[in-house]
Amino acid sequence: MTQQQTWSQRFESALHPAIALFNASINFDIELIEYDLTGSQAHAKMLAHTGIISAEEGEQLVSGLEQIRQEYRQGQFQPGVDAEDVHFAVERRLTEIVGDVGKKLHTARSRNDQVGTDTRLYLREQIQQIRNYLREFQRVILDIAEQNVETLIPGYTHLQRAQPLSLAHHLLAYFEMAQRDWERLGDVSRRVNISPLGCGALAGTTFPIDRHYTAELLNFDSVYANSLDGVSDRDFAIEFLCAASLIMVHLSRLSEEIILWASEEFRFITLKDSCATGSSIMPQKKNPDVPELVRGKTGRVFGHLQGMLVIMKGLPLAYNKDLQEDKEGLFDGVNTVKACLEAMTILLREGLEFRSQRLGEAVAEDFSNATDVADYLAARGVPFREAYNLVGKVVKTSIAAGKLLKDLTLEEWQQIHPAFAADIYDAIAPRTVVAARNSYGGTGFAQVNKAIHTARNQIRE
């Protein structure tokens, strides 16, 4: 059995049912229905505004489209594969509601500029929602940071103990990453918010349309200056997926740290039951599923970005059916980022607890204060490179003797160099080491408090 086509009588026979199914996008582009209705209402108003159709016809179209919106929200409008796509499904239902005047809706418009408009309306709204999720994520980070300015945590480079840090300072690094994400999405949103409506199939239209009028109705900032570009541009979607990928990079990096911190080897945090699962065979296990899933879903968003780039890389102007493939990856990218931000925010807010005693022990059981010994000597006139080499030897002999730097006697210190005095012990105490790094952007407690204050002001604005 063949299926009746949705296009002109140029064709003598209908599509093979398997090809109709292959060709259809209604199963996923139904996601755009609210935006399609909004864009179509603006188009109908413009047709009436310019005299292309009568004011009465314009009102009929707008009213009929609103009826479809309510039917969809109430579950009464559920088009199937026979509609091919959401745009035709809406137009067909509109004609059932208002009669032949419904067939006038598509005047001076193509599905090419229509789908471009719908996608931009959708993405504009989703970007704002994601920015709101980012703000909530940042607020939770600030809440935890404020409670842990003087909680210490080992800092790492190459995953080797490097220097002790304020835990708040460590967490604020993720605040800064999220701030860049928030700003980056705002920048992307400006290029999303350009209207292709009125570009037609590729060349514009002979009708006296007013593209700026529809752009104003739909709150677009501007319109595409070139009709070919307007219907074939997907830079905005690629840019969004780039920004989404960076959000996922940042969430994945935090996820990896949480997974490490929750391990028996680190024991820096305790996972609460509300955000952890157990093993089906090992009763003692408590698994960090949330950060593991976020880490895993990161690759999924990366894949959507790569997929979009591959779709676009060889397309001649203007619209090609390949562009139907832009939606599923975009929709899933949006949904994945939102879900991961929400899950990580919940995890931070109520799913884990930092073990401050264990963290305090961790910063006291290594040689991460070695740089401060070199700084101590440099402050007393010893060239830093000489002091650096001297301390390296001290660390080597201390390890051989099974000692930490804090365990050396004053006599041993002074045998190393006469510049050492009794204040060396305070100088290399972890809390002193952290507090002393008071340069702008450093981990010193005073700087961290300033950073928190600045961050609070940032998100209030």
Protein backbone atom coordinates (compact mmCIF):
# COMPACT_ATOMS: atom_id res chain seq x y z
CA MET A 1 0.00 0.00 0.00
CA THR A 2 1.33 3.44 -0.89
CA GLN A 3 0.76 6.66 1.01
CA GLN A 4 -0.68 9.87 -0.38
CA GLN A 5 1.95 12.58 -0.65
CA THR A 6 1.70 15.94 1.08
CA TRP A 7 3.06 17.98 -1.84
CA SER A 8 1.88 19.01 -5.31
CA GLN A 9 0.19 17.07 -8.08
CA ARG A 10 3.51 17.03 -9.93
CA PHE A 11 3.73 13.44 -8.70
CA GLU A 12 1.53 10.74 -10.19
CA SER A 13 1.94 8.18 -7.42
CA ALA A 14 2.43 8.25 -3.68
CA LEU A 15 5.46 7.28 -1.62
CA HIS A 16 6.20 3.69 -0.77
CA PRO A 17 5.16 3.27 2.90
CA ALA A 18 8.71 2.39 3.98
CA ILE A 19 10.06 5.49 2.24
CA ALA A 20 7.27 7.59 3.76
CA LEU A 21 8.33 6.38 7.20
CA PHE A 22 11.99 6.99 6.38
CA ASN A 23 11.20 10.48 5.10
CA ALA A 24 8.95 11.56 7.97
CA SER A 25 10.16 13.66 10.89
CA ILE A 26 6.90 14.01 12.82
CA ASN A 27 8.05 11.57 15.49
CA PHE A 28 10.71 14.01 16.68
CA ASP A 29 9.87 17.43 15.25
CA ILE A 30 6.56 17.40 17.15
CA GLU A 31 8.85 18.93 19.80
CA LEU A 32 8.58 22.14 17.78
CA ILE A 33 4.78 22.34 17.66
CA GLU A 34 4.33 25.19 20.14
CA TYR A 35 6.99 27.21 18.33
CA ASP A 36 5.49 26.34 14.94
CA LEU A 37 2.12 27.61 16.11
CA THR A 38 3.64 30.81 17.48
CA GLY A 39 5.61 31.43 14.28
CA SER A 40 2.57 30.68 12.14
CA GLN A 41 0.43 33.09 14.10
CA ALA A 42 2.99 35.83 13.51
CA HIS A 43 3.08 34.95 9.81
CA ALA A 44 -0.73 35.09 9.58
CA LYS A 45 -0.78 38.49 11.28
CA MET A 46 1.84 39.75 8.84
CA LEU A 47 -0.16 38.49 5.83
CA ALA A 48 -3.15 40.48 7.11
CA HIS A 49 -1.00 43.48 8.05
CA THR A 50 0.38 43.74 4.50
CA GLY A 51 -2.99 43.12 2.82
CA ILE A 52 -1.97 39.80 1.29
CA ILE A 53 -5.00 38.31 3.03
CA SER A 54 -7.92 40.10 4.67
CA ALA A 55 -7.97 41.09 8.33
CA GLU A 56 -10.85 38.65 8.89
CA GLU A 57 -8.89 35.80 7.33
CA GLY A 58 -5.91 36.69 9.48
CA GLU A 59 -8.04 36.52 12.61
CA GLN A 60 -9.48 33.15 11.54
CA LEU A 61 -6.00 31.75 11.04
CA VAL A 62 -4.70 33.03 14.38
CA SER A 63 -7.76 31.72 16.20
CA GLY A 64 -7.56 28.31 14.50
CA LEU A 65 -3.87 27.99 15.35
CA GLU A 66 -4.63 28.79 18.98
CA GLN A 67 -7.29 26.07 18.98
CA ILE A 68 -4.68 23.59 17.76
CA ARG A 69 -2.39 24.70 20.60
CA GLN A 70 -5.07 23.93 23.17
CA GLU A 71 -5.91 20.61 21.51
CA TYR A 72 -2.24 19.62 21.63
CA ARG A 73 -1.87 20.61 25.28
CA GLN A 74 -4.95 18.57 26.15
CA GLY A 75 -3.68 15.54 24.25
CA GLN A 76 -6.37 15.75 21.56
CA PHE A 77 -4.02 16.53 18.67
CA GLN A 78 -1.52 13.75 18.05
CA PRO A 79 -0.55 13.60 14.37
CA GLY A 80 1.01 10.45 12.97
CA VAL A 81 3.50 9.57 10.24
CA ASP A 82 0.96 10.34 7.53
CA ALA A 83 1.45 14.03 8.35
CA GLU A 84 5.16 13.76 7.44
CA ASP A 85 6.20 16.67 9.66
CA VAL A 86 4.83 19.02 12.30
CA HIS A 87 4.38 21.87 9.82
CA PHE A 88 2.08 19.95 7.48
CA ALA A 89 0.25 18.40 10.45
CA VAL A 90 -0.60 21.88 11.75
CA GLU A 91 -1.64 23.18 8.34
CA ARG A 92 -3.85 20.16 7.68
CA ARG A 93 -5.58 20.45 11.06
CA LEU A 94 -5.98 24.19 10.58
CA THR A 95 -7.77 23.63 7.30
CA GLU A 96 -10.12 21.19 9.03
CA ILE A 97 -10.93 23.87 11.60
CA VAL A 98 -11.26 27.03 9.45
CA GLY A 99 -11.86 25.60 6.01
CA ASP A 100 -10.18 26.75 2.81
CA VAL A 101 -8.80 29.88 4.44
CA GLY A 102 -6.39 27.53 6.23
CA LYS A 103 -4.78 26.85 2.86
CA LYS A 104 -3.74 30.51 2.71
CA LEU A 105 -1.44 30.25 5.74
CA HIS A 106 1.48 29.02 3.68
CA THR A 107 1.34 32.00 1.31
CA ALA A 108 4.79 33.65 1.00
CA ARG A 109 6.38 30.97 3.16
CA SER A 110 8.29 27.72 2.67
CA ARG A 111 8.87 24.88 5.06
CA ASN A 112 12.53 25.84 4.74
CA ASP A 113 12.19 29.23 6.43
CA GLN A 114 9.42 27.86 8.63
CA VAL A 115 11.52 25.12 10.22
CA GLY A 116 14.43 27.53 10.61
CA THR A 117 12.17 29.90 12.50
CA ASP A 118 10.72 27.18 14.70
CA THR A 119 14.15 25.83 15.60
CA ARG A 120 15.41 29.27 16.56
CA LEU A 121 12.35 29.98 18.70
CA TYR A 122 12.84 26.62 20.42
CA LEU A 123 16.56 27.07 21.02
CA ARG A 124 16.19 30.66 22.23
CA GLU A 125 13.87 29.47 24.99
CA GLN A 126 15.99 26.44 25.85
CA ILE A 127 19.13 28.55 26.17
CA GLN A 128 17.41 30.75 28.72
CA GLN A 129 16.34 27.69 30.68
CA ILE A 130 19.87 26.30 30.63
CA ARG A 131 21.25 29.65 31.81
CA ASN A 132 18.80 29.47 34.72
CA TYR A 133 20.07 25.96 35.55
CA LEU A 134 23.63 27.29 35.47
CA ARG A 135 22.73 30.06 37.89
CA GLU A 136 21.24 27.57 40.34
CA PHE A 137 24.36 25.40 40.03
CA GLN A 138 26.49 28.47 40.79
CA ARG A 139 24.39 29.40 43.83
CA VAL A 140 24.88 25.95 45.32
CA ILE A 141 28.63 26.16 44.75
CA LEU A 142 28.69 29.53 46.52
CA ASP A 143 26.66 28.17 49.44
CA ILE A 144 29.15 25.34 49.95
CA ALA A 145 32.11 27.66 49.44
CA GLU A 146 30.90 30.10 52.09
CA GLN A 147 30.79 27.26 54.61
CA ASN A 148 34.27 26.01 53.71
CA VAL A 149 36.56 29.01 53.28
CA GLU A 150 38.93 27.68 55.95
CA THR A 151 38.41 23.99 55.19
CA LEU A 152 41.60 22.72 53.60
CA ILE A 153 41.97 20.26 50.74
CA PRO A 154 45.06 18.98 48.94
CA GLY A 155 45.62 20.65 45.60
CA TYR A 156 46.95 18.54 42.76
CA THR A 157 48.89 18.86 39.54
CA HIS A 158 49.41 15.72 37.45
CA LEU A 159 47.17 14.09 40.11
CA GLN A 160 50.11 14.40 42.49
CA ARG A 161 49.91 16.36 45.73
CA ALA A 162 51.04 19.91 44.92
CA GLN A 163 49.95 22.58 47.43
CA PRO A 164 47.16 22.81 50.01
CA LEU A 165 44.12 24.87 49.11
CA SER A 166 41.01 26.36 50.62
CA LEU A 167 38.18 24.00 49.67
CA ALA A 168 36.11 27.06 48.80
CA HIS A 169 38.82 28.18 46.38
CA HIS A 170 38.76 24.76 44.71
CA LEU A 171 34.98 24.89 44.29
CA LEU A 172 35.03 28.48 43.05
CA ALA A 173 37.05 27.30 40.05
CA TYR A 174 33.86 25.54 38.92
CA PHE A 175 31.85 28.68 39.59
CA GLU A 176 34.13 30.50 37.14
CA MET A 177 33.74 27.75 34.53
CA ALA A 178 29.96 27.97 34.88
CA GLN A 179 30.14 31.75 34.59
CA ARG A 180 31.92 31.44 31.26
CA ASP A 181 29.27 28.92 30.18
CA TRP A 182 26.51 31.35 31.16
CA GLU A 183 28.16 34.20 29.26
CA ARG A 184 28.93 32.00 26.26
CA LEU A 185 25.28 30.94 25.96
CA GLY A 186 24.26 34.58 26.09
CA ASP A 187 26.58 35.26 23.18
CA VAL A 188 25.20 32.28 21.23
CA SER A 189 21.67 33.47 21.94
CA ARG A 190 22.32 36.69 20.04
CA ARG A 191 23.03 34.72 16.87
CA VAL A 192 20.11 32.38 17.50
CA ASN A 193 17.80 35.38 17.71
CA ILE A 194 17.83 36.27 14.00
CA SER A 195 14.71 35.61 11.94
CA PRO A 196 14.80 33.61 8.69
CA LEU A 197 11.04 33.93 8.28
CA GLY A 198 10.27 35.34 4.85
CA CYS A 199 13.37 33.92 3.18
CA GLY A 200 11.04 31.45 1.45
CA ALA A 201 12.49 28.30 -0.04
CA LEU A 202 15.77 30.05 -0.88
CA ALA A 203 15.12 33.21 -2.90
CA GLY A 204 12.57 35.26 -0.98
CA THR A 205 9.08 35.84 -2.35
CA THR A 206 7.18 37.96 -4.86
CA PHE A 207 4.57 38.88 -2.23
CA PRO A 208 4.91 42.26 -0.44
CA ILE A 209 5.75 40.73 2.94
CA ASP A 210 7.18 42.60 5.93
CA ARG A 211 9.91 40.47 7.47
CA HIS A 212 10.72 43.04 10.12
CA TYR A 213 7.10 43.00 11.27
CA THR A 214 7.16 39.23 11.94
CA ALA A 215 10.58 39.55 13.55
CA GLU A 216 9.18 42.16 15.92
CA LEU A 217 6.14 40.02 16.73
CA LEU A 218 8.42 37.08 17.55
CA ASN A 219 10.94 39.19 19.51
CA PHE A 220 13.79 38.52 17.11
CA ASP A 221 16.58 41.10 17.21
CA SER A 222 17.02 41.20 13.44
CA VAL A 223 16.40 39.31 10.19
CA TYR A 224 18.74 37.39 7.88
CA ALA A 225 20.08 39.71 5.19
CA ASN A 226 20.48 36.91 2.64
CA SER A 227 17.69 34.45 1.89
CA LEU A 228 20.05 31.62 0.91
CA ASP A 229 21.92 31.98 4.18
CA GLY A 230 18.70 32.29 6.13
CA VAL A 231 17.28 28.90 5.13
CA SER A 232 20.56 26.95 5.18
CA ASP A 233 22.40 28.40 8.20
CA ARG A 234 22.89 26.06 11.14
CA ASP A 235 25.86 27.88 12.65
CA PHE A 236 23.67 28.80 15.60
CA ALA A 237 22.95 25.14 16.34
CA ILE A 238 26.63 24.23 16.03
CA GLU A 239 27.58 27.10 18.30
CA PHE A 240 25.02 25.98 20.84
CA LEU A 241 26.36 22.42 20.78
CA CYS A 242 29.90 23.80 21.20
CA ALA A 243 28.74 25.73 24.26
CA ALA A 244 26.80 22.69 25.50
CA SER A 245 29.89 20.53 25.06
CA LEU A 246 31.93 22.92 27.19
CA ILE A 247 29.27 22.84 29.91
CA MET A 248 29.54 19.06 29.85
CA VAL A 249 33.36 19.24 29.97
CA HIS A 250 33.11 21.27 33.16
CA LEU A 251 30.48 19.01 34.72
CA SER A 252 32.52 15.96 33.74
CA ARG A 253 35.68 17.34 35.35
CA LEU A 254 33.79 17.96 38.59
CA SER A 255 32.22 14.51 38.28
CA GLU A 256 35.64 12.89 38.03
CA GLU A 257 36.81 14.69 41.15
CA ILE A 258 33.70 13.68 43.09
CA ILE A 259 34.20 10.07 42.02
CA LEU A 260 37.81 10.19 43.24
CA TRP A 261 36.89 11.98 46.47
CA ALA A 262 34.24 9.36 47.26
CA SER A 263 36.69 6.47 46.86
CA GLU A 264 38.19 4.67 49.84
CA GLU A 265 41.60 5.84 48.69
CA PHE A 266 40.65 9.52 49.05
CA ARG A 267 37.73 9.51 51.52
CA PHE A 268 37.29 13.27 51.12
CA ILE A 269 33.47 13.07 50.89
CA THR A 270 30.63 10.88 52.03
CA LEU A 271 27.85 10.17 49.54
CA LYS A 272 24.36 10.39 50.98
CA ASP A 273 21.79 7.72 50.26
CA SER A 274 19.58 10.11 48.27
CA CYS A 275 22.15 10.41 45.48
CA ALA A 276 23.95 7.04 45.48
CA THR A 277 23.11 3.43 44.63
CA GLY A 278 24.32 0.05 45.78
CA SER A 279 25.65 -3.07 44.16
CA SER A 280 23.48 -6.04 43.21
CA ILE A 281 26.09 -8.42 44.63
CA MET A 282 28.41 -6.47 46.98
CA PRO A 283 26.40 -5.21 49.97
CA GLN A 284 29.11 -2.83 51.19
CA LYS A 285 29.15 -0.72 48.02
CA LYS A 286 27.85 2.82 47.64
CA ASN A 287 28.27 3.90 44.04
CA PRO A 288 28.57 7.49 42.71
CA ASP A 289 26.08 6.94 39.89
CA VAL A 290 25.20 10.61 39.36
CA PRO A 291 28.71 11.83 38.51
CA GLU A 292 29.43 8.65 36.56
CA LEU A 293 26.35 9.19 34.40
CA VAL A 294 27.23 12.85 33.86
CA ARG A 295 30.73 11.81 32.83
CA GLY A 296 29.27 9.25 30.43
CA LYS A 297 26.64 11.57 28.94
CA THR A 298 29.36 14.09 28.12
CA GLY A 299 30.44 11.98 25.16
CA ARG A 300 26.87 11.92 23.95
CA VAL A 301 26.77 15.72 23.64
CA PHE A 302 30.20 15.72 21.98
CA GLY A 303 28.76 13.25 19.46
CA HIS A 304 25.87 15.56 18.62
CA LEU A 305 28.33 18.39 17.94
CA GLN A 306 30.42 16.18 15.68
CA GLY A 307 27.29 14.94 13.93
CA MET A 308 26.12 18.48 13.22
CA LEU A 309 29.51 19.49 11.84
CA VAL A 310 29.53 16.48 9.52
CA ILE A 311 26.00 17.25 8.31
CA MET A 312 27.01 20.77 7.36
CA LYS A 313 30.51 20.30 5.99
CA GLY A 314 29.57 19.46 2.38
CA LEU A 315 26.13 20.98 1.85
CA PRO A 316 25.74 23.19 -1.23
CA LEU A 317 23.40 26.15 -0.91
CA ALA A 318 20.64 26.26 -0.01
CA TYR A 319 18.33 23.90 1.90
CA ASN A 320 18.96 20.13 1.68
CA LYS A 321 17.05 17.27 3.29
CA ASP A 322 20.19 16.46 5.28
CA LEU A 323 19.17 19.33 7.53
CA GLN A 324 16.29 17.26 8.85
CA GLU A 325 19.03 15.46 10.81
CA ASP A 326 19.85 18.60 12.80
CA LYS A 327 16.96 18.23 15.22
CA GLU A 328 17.31 14.96 17.12
CA GLY A 329 20.88 15.70 18.16
CA LEU A 330 19.99 19.27 19.06
CA PHE A 331 16.94 18.24 21.11
CA ASP A 332 18.89 15.52 22.89
CA GLY A 333 21.81 17.87 23.51
CA VAL A 334 19.46 20.38 25.15
CA ASN A 335 17.75 17.74 27.28
CA THR A 336 21.01 16.10 28.32
CA VAL A 337 22.63 19.36 29.46
CA LYS A 338 19.54 20.35 31.43
CA ALA A 339 19.28 16.94 33.11
CA CYS A 340 22.97 16.86 34.00
CA LEU A 341 22.96 20.37 35.43
CA GLU A 342 19.92 19.58 37.53
CA ALA A 343 21.36 16.28 38.78
CA MET A 344 24.74 17.79 39.68
CA THR A 345 23.08 20.69 41.48
CA ILE A 346 21.01 18.27 43.58
CA LEU A 347 24.10 16.14 44.26
CA LEU A 348 26.08 19.14 45.51
CA ARG A 349 23.20 20.60 47.51
CA GLU A 350 22.02 17.46 49.29
CA GLY A 351 23.86 14.38 48.07
CA LEU A 352 27.34 14.64 49.53
CA GLU A 353 29.17 15.85 52.61
CA PHE A 354 32.81 16.90 52.87
CA ARG A 355 34.79 15.11 55.59
CA SER A 356 36.65 18.08 57.05
CA GLN A 357 38.66 16.02 59.55
CA ARG A 358 39.89 13.68 56.83
CA LEU A 359 40.72 16.67 54.59
CA GLY A 360 42.69 18.24 57.45
CA GLU A 361 44.64 15.03 57.91
CA ALA A 362 45.30 14.80 54.17
CA VAL A 363 46.98 18.20 53.91
CA ALA A 364 49.21 17.36 56.90
CA GLU A 365 50.58 14.07 55.61
CA ASP A 366 52.56 15.06 52.54
CA PHE A 367 55.26 17.39 51.22
CA SER A 368 52.90 19.92 49.63
CA ASN A 369 54.47 22.60 51.85
CA ALA A 370 57.87 22.17 50.18
CA THR A 371 57.42 25.25 48.00
CA ASP A 372 56.82 27.28 51.15
CA VAL A 373 60.17 26.17 52.55
CA ALA A 374 61.83 27.45 49.37
CA ASP A 375 59.80 30.68 49.65
CA TYR A 376 60.91 30.98 53.29
CA LEU A 377 64.58 30.89 52.25
CA ALA A 378 63.99 33.20 49.27
CA ALA A 379 62.40 35.77 51.57
CA ARG A 380 65.64 35.67 53.60
CA GLY A 381 67.89 36.42 50.67
CA VAL A 382 68.62 32.95 49.31
CA PRO A 383 68.18 32.87 45.50
CA PHE A 384 64.97 30.95 44.76
CA ARG A 385 66.56 28.40 42.41
CA GLU A 386 69.22 27.64 45.02
CA ALA A 387 66.55 27.33 47.70
CA TYR A 388 64.47 25.11 45.37
CA ASN A 389 67.35 22.67 44.86
CA LEU A 390 68.15 22.66 48.56
CA VAL A 391 64.60 21.82 49.55
CA GLY A 392 64.50 19.06 46.92
CA LYS A 393 67.39 17.38 48.67
CA VAL A 394 65.66 17.82 52.04
CA VAL A 395 62.51 16.14 50.73
CA LYS A 396 64.58 13.28 49.35
CA THR A 397 66.41 12.64 52.64
CA SER A 398 63.19 13.07 54.65
CA ILE A 399 61.40 10.45 52.57
CA ALA A 400 64.34 8.09 53.08
CA ALA A 401 64.13 8.69 56.82
CA GLY A 402 60.37 8.26 56.92
CA LYS A 403 59.79 11.83 58.04
CA LEU A 404 57.70 14.79 56.93
CA LEU A 405 59.11 18.32 56.90
CA LYS A 406 57.19 19.17 60.05
CA ASP A 407 59.03 16.33 61.83
CA LEU A 408 62.50 17.79 61.35
CA THR A 409 64.08 19.31 64.46
CA LEU A 410 65.23 22.92 64.49
CA GLU A 411 68.80 21.66 64.63
CA GLU A 412 68.22 19.61 61.48
CA TRP A 413 66.73 22.64 59.77
CA GLN A 414 69.70 24.81 60.67
CA GLN A 415 72.10 22.16 59.46
CA ILE A 416 70.39 22.45 56.11
CA HIS A 417 70.77 26.26 56.09
CA PRO A 418 71.50 28.75 58.88
CA ALA A 419 68.65 31.00 57.70
CA PHE A 420 66.09 28.65 59.25
CA ALA A 421 64.67 29.75 62.60
CA ALA A 422 61.96 28.56 64.98
CA ASP A 423 59.26 30.25 62.90
CA ILE A 424 59.76 27.68 60.12
CA TYR A 425 57.18 25.41 61.76
CA ASP A 426 54.46 28.02 61.59
CA ALA A 427 55.51 28.98 58.07
CA ILE A 428 54.94 25.43 56.79
CA ALA A 429 51.74 24.70 58.75
CA PRO A 430 49.00 23.98 56.19
CA ARG A 431 46.69 26.75 57.37
CA THR A 432 49.53 29.29 57.22
CA VAL A 433 50.56 28.03 53.81
CA VAL A 434 47.06 28.55 52.44
CA ALA A 435 46.44 31.90 54.14
CA ALA A 436 49.74 33.27 52.86
CA ARG A 437 48.77 32.89 49.21
CA ASN A 438 46.90 36.15 49.22
CA SER A 439 47.69 37.34 45.70
CA TYR A 440 44.67 38.29 43.59
CA GLY A 441 42.88 35.13 42.53
CA GLY A 442 44.85 33.03 45.03
CA THR A 443 43.71 30.58 47.67
CA GLY A 444 44.37 32.86 50.67
CA PHE A 445 41.33 33.10 52.91
CA ALA A 446 41.00 36.86 52.47
CA GLN A 447 41.08 36.50 48.69
CA VAL A 448 38.56 33.68 48.77
CA ASN A 449 36.12 35.73 50.82
CA LYS A 450 36.46 38.57 48.32
CA ALA A 451 35.90 36.14 45.45
CA ILE A 452 32.71 34.83 47.03
CA HIS A 453 31.43 38.38 47.54
CA THR A 454 32.23 39.25 43.91
CA ALA A 455 30.54 36.07 42.68
CA ARG A 456 27.38 36.80 44.67
CA ASN A 457 27.19 40.23 43.08
CA GLN A 458 27.76 38.72 39.65
CA ILE A 459 24.77 36.42 39.79
CA ARG A 460 22.55 39.09 41.38
CA GLU A 461 23.18 41.31 38.39
